[in-house]
Each structure stands twice: as structure tokens, then as C-alpha cells.
N, C-alpha and C. Protein backbone atom coordinates (compact mmCIF):
# COMPACT_ATOMS: atom_id res chain seq x y z
N MET A 1 40.18 -34.15 54.13
CA MET A 1 39.48 -33.91 52.72
C MET A 1 38.43 -34.70 52.72
N ASN A 2 38.36 -35.54 53.11
CA ASN A 2 36.77 -36.19 53.54
C ASN A 2 35.44 -35.08 53.68
N GLY A 3 35.82 -34.47 54.71
CA GLY A 3 34.54 -33.38 55.34
C GLY A 3 34.85 -32.19 54.12
N MET A 4 35.98 -31.84 53.58
CA MET A 4 36.04 -30.72 53.01
C MET A 4 34.98 -31.40 51.55
N ASN A 5 35.21 -32.25 50.91
CA ASN A 5 34.58 -32.90 50.06
C ASN A 5 33.08 -32.81 49.91
N LYS A 6 32.60 -33.33 51.35
CA LYS A 6 30.99 -33.32 51.58
C LYS A 6 31.03 -31.87 51.38
N ILE A 7 31.97 -30.84 52.15
CA ILE A 7 31.19 -29.70 52.27
C ILE A 7 31.31 -28.73 50.76
N MET A 8 32.40 -29.35 50.05
CA MET A 8 31.86 -29.45 48.54
C MET A 8 30.45 -29.15 47.89
N LYS A 9 30.63 -30.61 48.35
CA LYS A 9 28.83 -31.17 47.85
C LYS A 9 27.94 -30.47 47.84
N GLN A 10 27.75 -30.32 49.15
CA GLN A 10 26.91 -29.68 49.67
C GLN A 10 26.26 -27.79 49.13
N THR A 11 27.82 -27.72 49.32
CA THR A 11 26.86 -26.24 48.71
C THR A 11 27.25 -25.98 46.94
N LYS A 12 27.86 -26.95 46.30
CA LYS A 12 27.35 -27.18 45.12
C LYS A 12 25.96 -27.92 45.06
N MET A 13 25.09 -28.49 46.01
CA MET A 13 24.21 -29.28 45.45
C MET A 13 23.05 -27.79 45.79
N ALA A 14 23.65 -27.28 47.18
CA ALA A 14 22.67 -26.03 47.01
C ALA A 14 22.82 -24.52 46.41
N LEU A 15 23.76 -24.56 46.38
CA LEU A 15 24.24 -23.58 44.73
C LEU A 15 23.01 -24.34 43.31
N ILE A 16 22.58 -25.18 43.19
CA ILE A 16 21.86 -26.16 42.24
C ILE A 16 20.55 -25.56 42.56
N ALA A 17 20.42 -26.06 44.00
CA ALA A 17 18.88 -25.68 44.48
C ALA A 17 18.58 -24.17 44.40
N LEU A 18 19.52 -23.26 44.20
CA LEU A 18 19.07 -21.87 44.60
C LEU A 18 18.50 -21.85 42.67
N VAL A 19 19.83 -22.19 41.88
CA VAL A 19 19.53 -22.10 40.86
C VAL A 19 18.53 -22.06 40.49
N ALA A 20 17.95 -23.80 40.81
CA ALA A 20 16.68 -23.84 40.05
C ALA A 20 15.42 -23.14 40.29
N THR A 21 15.52 -23.11 41.85
CA THR A 21 14.63 -21.96 42.55
C THR A 21 14.85 -20.39 41.75
N VAL A 22 15.56 -20.08 41.12
CA VAL A 22 15.33 -19.03 40.61
C VAL A 22 14.53 -18.84 39.29
N VAL A 23 15.12 -20.37 38.94
CA VAL A 23 14.75 -20.24 37.37
C VAL A 23 12.87 -20.55 37.35
N LEU A 24 12.56 -21.68 38.30
CA LEU A 24 11.40 -21.85 38.90
C LEU A 24 10.51 -20.08 39.16
N VAL A 25 11.10 -19.43 40.42
CA VAL A 25 10.01 -18.51 40.01
C VAL A 25 9.77 -17.21 38.88
N GLY A 26 11.19 -17.47 38.49
CA GLY A 26 11.14 -16.57 36.84
C GLY A 26 10.37 -17.49 35.93
N CYS A 27 10.41 -18.71 36.23
CA CYS A 27 9.47 -19.02 34.74
C CYS A 27 8.16 -18.81 35.29
N ASN A 28 7.35 -19.12 36.50
CA ASN A 28 5.73 -18.69 37.16
C ASN A 28 5.64 -17.60 36.61
N GLN A 29 6.78 -16.19 36.99
CA GLN A 29 6.37 -15.17 37.07
C GLN A 29 6.17 -14.62 35.59
N GLU A 30 6.67 -15.25 34.64
CA GLU A 30 6.23 -14.95 33.27
C GLU A 30 5.23 -15.85 32.71
N LYS A 31 5.35 -17.41 33.28
CA LYS A 31 3.83 -17.88 33.07
C LYS A 31 2.31 -16.86 33.82
N SER A 32 2.64 -16.17 34.90
CA SER A 32 2.23 -15.07 35.55
C SER A 32 1.95 -13.87 34.17
N ALA A 33 2.74 -13.72 33.94
CA ALA A 33 2.49 -12.34 33.20
C ALA A 33 1.73 -12.75 32.14
N ILE A 34 2.22 -14.06 31.12
CA ILE A 34 1.07 -14.69 29.80
C ILE A 34 -0.48 -14.69 30.09
N GLU A 35 -0.79 -15.26 31.30
CA GLU A 35 -1.92 -15.39 31.63
C GLU A 35 -2.93 -14.09 32.50
N ASP A 36 -1.77 -12.99 32.84
CA ASP A 36 -2.32 -11.41 33.68
C ASP A 36 -2.89 -11.32 31.52
N ARG A 37 -2.02 -11.33 30.87
CA ARG A 37 -2.04 -10.60 29.19
C ARG A 37 -3.65 -11.87 28.44
N LYS A 38 -3.32 -12.70 29.02
CA LYS A 38 -4.87 -13.36 28.23
C LYS A 38 -6.28 -12.67 29.04
N GLU A 39 -6.13 -12.77 30.12
CA GLU A 39 -7.24 -12.04 30.87
C GLU A 39 -7.42 -10.81 30.27
N ALA A 40 -6.11 -9.77 30.52
CA ALA A 40 -6.26 -8.17 29.78
C ALA A 40 -6.71 -8.38 28.41
N THR A 41 -6.46 -9.25 27.59
CA THR A 41 -7.30 -9.83 26.07
C THR A 41 -8.19 -10.17 26.37
N LYS A 42 -8.90 -11.01 26.85
CA LYS A 42 -9.93 -10.99 26.60
C LYS A 42 -11.20 -10.39 27.67
N ASP A 43 -10.71 -9.47 28.60
CA ASP A 43 -11.34 -8.58 29.16
C ASP A 43 -11.75 -7.12 28.31
N ALA A 44 -10.47 -7.20 27.42
CA ALA A 44 -10.96 -6.29 26.45
C ALA A 44 -12.03 -6.67 25.12
N ILE A 45 -11.74 -8.13 24.60
CA ILE A 45 -12.98 -8.52 23.93
C ILE A 45 -13.79 -8.36 24.29
N ASP A 46 -14.49 -8.76 25.39
CA ASP A 46 -16.21 -8.92 26.13
C ASP A 46 -16.40 -7.50 25.95
N ASN A 47 -15.68 -6.57 26.42
CA ASN A 47 -15.85 -4.90 26.41
C ASN A 47 -16.23 -4.63 25.08
N ARG A 48 -14.99 -4.58 24.21
CA ARG A 48 -15.76 -4.27 22.61
C ARG A 48 -17.06 -4.89 22.28
N LYS A 49 -17.31 -6.30 22.54
CA LYS A 49 -18.80 -7.02 23.01
C LYS A 49 -19.77 -6.32 22.92
N ASN A 50 -19.22 -6.08 24.23
CA ASN A 50 -21.24 -5.12 24.79
C ASN A 50 -20.63 -3.56 24.07
N ALA A 51 -20.17 -2.94 23.53
CA ALA A 51 -19.86 -1.81 22.80
C ALA A 51 -20.90 -2.06 21.89
N VAL A 52 -20.73 -2.91 21.00
CA VAL A 52 -21.00 -3.22 19.46
C VAL A 52 -22.51 -4.03 20.25
N ASP A 53 -23.02 -4.83 21.06
CA ASP A 53 -24.33 -4.88 21.68
C ASP A 53 -25.07 -3.93 21.65
N VAL A 54 -24.68 -2.90 22.45
CA VAL A 54 -25.10 -1.33 23.03
C VAL A 54 -25.41 -0.15 21.44
N ALA A 55 -24.22 -0.71 20.86
CA ALA A 55 -24.90 -0.11 19.20
C ALA A 55 -25.55 -0.70 18.59
N ALA A 56 -25.79 -1.75 18.47
CA ALA A 56 -26.84 -2.03 17.67
C ALA A 56 -28.11 -1.97 18.12
N GLU A 57 -28.06 -1.96 19.48
CA GLU A 57 -29.52 -1.93 20.25
C GLU A 57 -29.79 -0.12 20.09
N ASN A 58 -28.50 0.39 20.18
CA ASN A 58 -29.26 1.82 19.97
C ASN A 58 -29.19 2.10 18.30
N ALA A 59 -28.86 1.72 17.05
CA ALA A 59 -29.22 1.50 16.20
C ALA A 59 -30.78 0.91 15.14
N LYS A 60 -30.86 -0.18 16.17
CA LYS A 60 -31.79 -0.73 16.18
C LYS A 60 -33.56 0.38 16.53
N LYS A 61 -33.44 1.29 17.86
CA LYS A 61 -33.94 1.78 18.31
C LYS A 61 -34.15 3.26 17.59
N GLN A 62 -33.16 3.71 16.44
CA GLN A 62 -33.63 4.44 16.16
C GLN A 62 -33.95 4.52 14.95
N ALA A 63 -33.81 2.69 14.15
CA ALA A 63 -34.36 2.62 13.09
C ALA A 63 -35.44 2.73 13.50
N ASP A 64 -36.28 2.60 14.30
CA ASP A 64 -37.76 2.17 14.87
C ASP A 64 -38.34 3.35 15.10
N ILE A 65 -37.14 4.24 14.97
CA ILE A 65 -38.36 5.83 15.27
C ILE A 65 -38.04 6.79 14.08
N ASP A 66 -36.85 6.30 13.54
CA ASP A 66 -36.94 6.70 11.69
C ASP A 66 -38.03 6.59 11.49
N ALA A 67 -38.67 4.76 10.79
CA ALA A 67 -39.65 4.32 10.20
C ALA A 67 -40.88 4.65 11.48
N LYS A 68 -40.71 5.19 12.56
CA LYS A 68 -42.38 6.26 12.65
C LYS A 68 -42.84 7.42 12.45
N ILE A 69 -41.36 8.28 12.35
CA ILE A 69 -41.30 9.10 11.88
C ILE A 69 -41.74 9.20 10.40
N GLU A 70 -41.18 7.94 9.44
CA GLU A 70 -41.34 8.21 8.40
C GLU A 70 -42.89 7.73 7.62
N LYS A 71 -43.66 6.85 8.58
CA LYS A 71 -45.05 6.14 8.79
C LYS A 71 -45.42 8.00 9.18
N ALA A 72 -45.35 8.43 9.83
CA ALA A 72 -46.71 9.77 10.06
C ALA A 72 -46.25 10.72 8.88
N LYS A 73 -44.99 11.12 8.33
CA LYS A 73 -45.17 11.65 7.19
C LYS A 73 -46.26 11.10 5.80
N ILE A 74 -45.66 10.00 5.68
CA ILE A 74 -46.70 9.49 4.63
C ILE A 74 -48.76 9.18 5.31
N GLU A 75 -48.44 9.46 6.26
CA GLU A 75 -49.81 9.35 6.76
C GLU A 75 -50.32 10.77 6.27
N ALA A 76 -49.46 12.18 7.08
CA ALA A 76 -49.78 13.22 6.93
C ALA A 76 -49.85 13.99 5.59
N ASN A 77 -49.56 13.58 4.31
CA ASN A 77 -49.31 13.72 3.37
C ASN A 77 -50.50 13.13 2.61
N LYS A 78 -51.02 11.39 3.11
CA LYS A 78 -52.26 11.19 2.27
C LYS A 78 -53.42 11.73 2.63
N GLU A 79 -53.34 12.38 4.54
CA GLU A 79 -54.26 13.10 4.46
C GLU A 79 -54.85 14.15 3.99
N ALA A 80 -53.60 15.28 3.04
CA ALA A 80 -53.18 16.62 3.12
C ALA A 80 -53.78 16.15 1.84
N THR A 81 -53.74 15.28 0.80
CA THR A 81 -54.00 14.84 -0.35
C THR A 81 -55.30 14.48 -0.09
N GLN A 82 -56.22 13.80 0.47
CA GLN A 82 -57.27 13.45 0.54
C GLN A 82 -57.88 14.62 1.00
N ALA A 83 -57.39 15.53 1.65
CA ALA A 83 -58.22 16.90 2.04
C ALA A 83 -58.00 17.66 0.96
N GLN A 84 -57.34 17.79 0.09
CA GLN A 84 -57.46 18.06 -1.07
C GLN A 84 -58.32 18.11 -1.65
N LEU A 85 -58.92 16.43 -1.94
CA LEU A 85 -58.97 16.09 -3.40
C LEU A 85 -60.85 15.85 -3.04
N ASP A 86 -60.35 16.34 -1.70
CA ASP A 86 -62.26 16.25 -1.25
C ASP A 86 -62.43 17.64 -1.19
N ALA A 87 -61.46 18.90 -1.34
CA ALA A 87 -61.96 20.29 -1.26
C ALA A 87 -62.36 20.63 -2.73
N ASP A 88 -61.33 19.72 -3.53
CA ASP A 88 -61.74 19.90 -5.48
C ASP A 88 -62.60 19.02 -5.18
N LYS A 89 -63.39 17.82 -4.68
CA LYS A 89 -64.98 17.56 -5.17
C LYS A 89 -65.61 18.24 -4.79
N LYS A 90 -65.62 19.51 -3.61
CA LYS A 90 -66.68 20.41 -3.48
C LYS A 90 -67.04 21.11 -4.41
N LYS A 91 -65.53 22.38 -4.95
CA LYS A 91 -65.37 22.64 -5.30
C LYS A 91 -66.05 22.25 -7.68
N ALA A 92 -65.72 21.31 -7.24
CA ALA A 92 -66.57 20.85 -8.50
C ALA A 92 -68.01 20.91 -8.57
N ASP A 93 -68.76 20.45 -7.53
CA ASP A 93 -69.90 20.22 -7.14
C ASP A 93 -70.32 21.79 -6.92
N ALA A 94 -69.97 23.07 -6.71
CA ALA A 94 -70.66 24.19 -6.37
C ALA A 94 -70.44 24.47 -7.87
N GLN A 95 -69.26 24.01 -8.91
CA GLN A 95 -68.89 25.17 -10.04
C GLN A 95 -70.49 24.37 -10.90
N ALA A 96 -70.74 22.94 -11.13
CA ALA A 96 -71.74 22.79 -11.21
C ALA A 96 -72.51 22.87 -11.02
N ALA A 97 -73.40 23.27 -9.73
CA ALA A 97 -74.42 24.12 -8.89
C ALA A 97 -74.32 25.29 -9.79
N LEU A 98 -73.42 26.21 -9.82
CA LEU A 98 -73.58 27.44 -10.62
C LEU A 98 -74.13 27.50 -11.56
N GLU A 99 -73.73 26.37 -12.27
CA GLU A 99 -73.82 26.51 -14.09
C GLU A 99 -75.18 26.10 -13.62
N LYS A 100 -75.34 25.04 -13.17
CA LYS A 100 -76.91 24.71 -13.24
C LYS A 100 -78.19 25.77 -13.80
N ALA A 101 -77.89 27.02 -12.30
CA ALA A 101 -78.63 27.79 -11.47
C ALA A 101 -78.14 29.11 -12.91
N LYS A 102 -76.98 28.88 -13.42
CA LYS A 102 -76.70 30.13 -14.47
C LYS A 102 -78.06 29.59 -16.22
N LEU A 103 -77.83 28.66 -15.76
CA LEU A 103 -78.41 27.63 -17.10
C LEU A 103 -80.64 28.21 -16.85
N ASP A 104 -80.12 27.55 -15.53
CA ASP A 104 -81.90 27.87 -15.48
C ASP A 104 -82.21 29.23 -15.15
N ALA A 105 -81.48 30.59 -14.85
CA ALA A 105 -81.75 31.92 -14.79
C ALA A 105 -81.48 32.49 -16.26
N GLU A 106 -81.25 31.65 -17.16
CA GLU A 106 -81.50 32.15 -18.61
C GLU A 106 -82.41 31.18 -19.63
N LYS A 107 -83.25 29.85 -18.83
CA LYS A 107 -84.43 29.70 -19.62
C LYS A 107 -85.39 30.41 -19.11
N LYS A 108 -85.38 31.31 -17.69
CA LYS A 108 -86.74 32.28 -17.49
C LYS A 108 -86.80 33.33 -17.90
């Protein structure tokens, strides 16, 4: 009997060791899966951060381009208005010269 108890005891110990191993392996796999999900989430967040950085940089560049275009339009309008005003001055000078010439012609 003593030999049989020893075999039963060893069998129980082996079974407990096997169950413990299965539990530990399952636990390690779950921990590994959790770690993998964590890393995937962090990678996705990093990718979104990079996309936000790129979008912001592109928006800044577009804003700079838009500002340059707007400044060029303002400058062009200013130059066109000044050219019109210069033409109006010359027209006024010419009109005054014409009127003076008429007066001079009438006096003679």
C-alpha cells in the first residue's frame, strides 16, 4: 500500500504542477495580449499625434500663402488707386490749362 500511496501522491503532485503550468501559461498569454493592446493603442495615438502635427503645419503654410496673396491684392489695389488718382491729377492740370488758355484767347 505504501507504494500505491506514493504513486498516488506523485500523480496528484504532477497533476497540480500541470494545472499550475496551464494556469501560468494562460495568465502569461493574457498579460501578453494586454501588453500588445496597450502598445497598439499607444502606436495609434502616436500616429494621430503625427497626423495632427502634419495638418497643423500644412494649415500654417496655407495661412502664410493666403496672407501673401491678400497682401499682394491690397498692394495691387493701392497701386491701381494711386495710378487713378495720378491720372485724375493730370486731368485736373490739363483741364485747368485748357481753361486758362481759353481765357487768354478770349482776352486777345
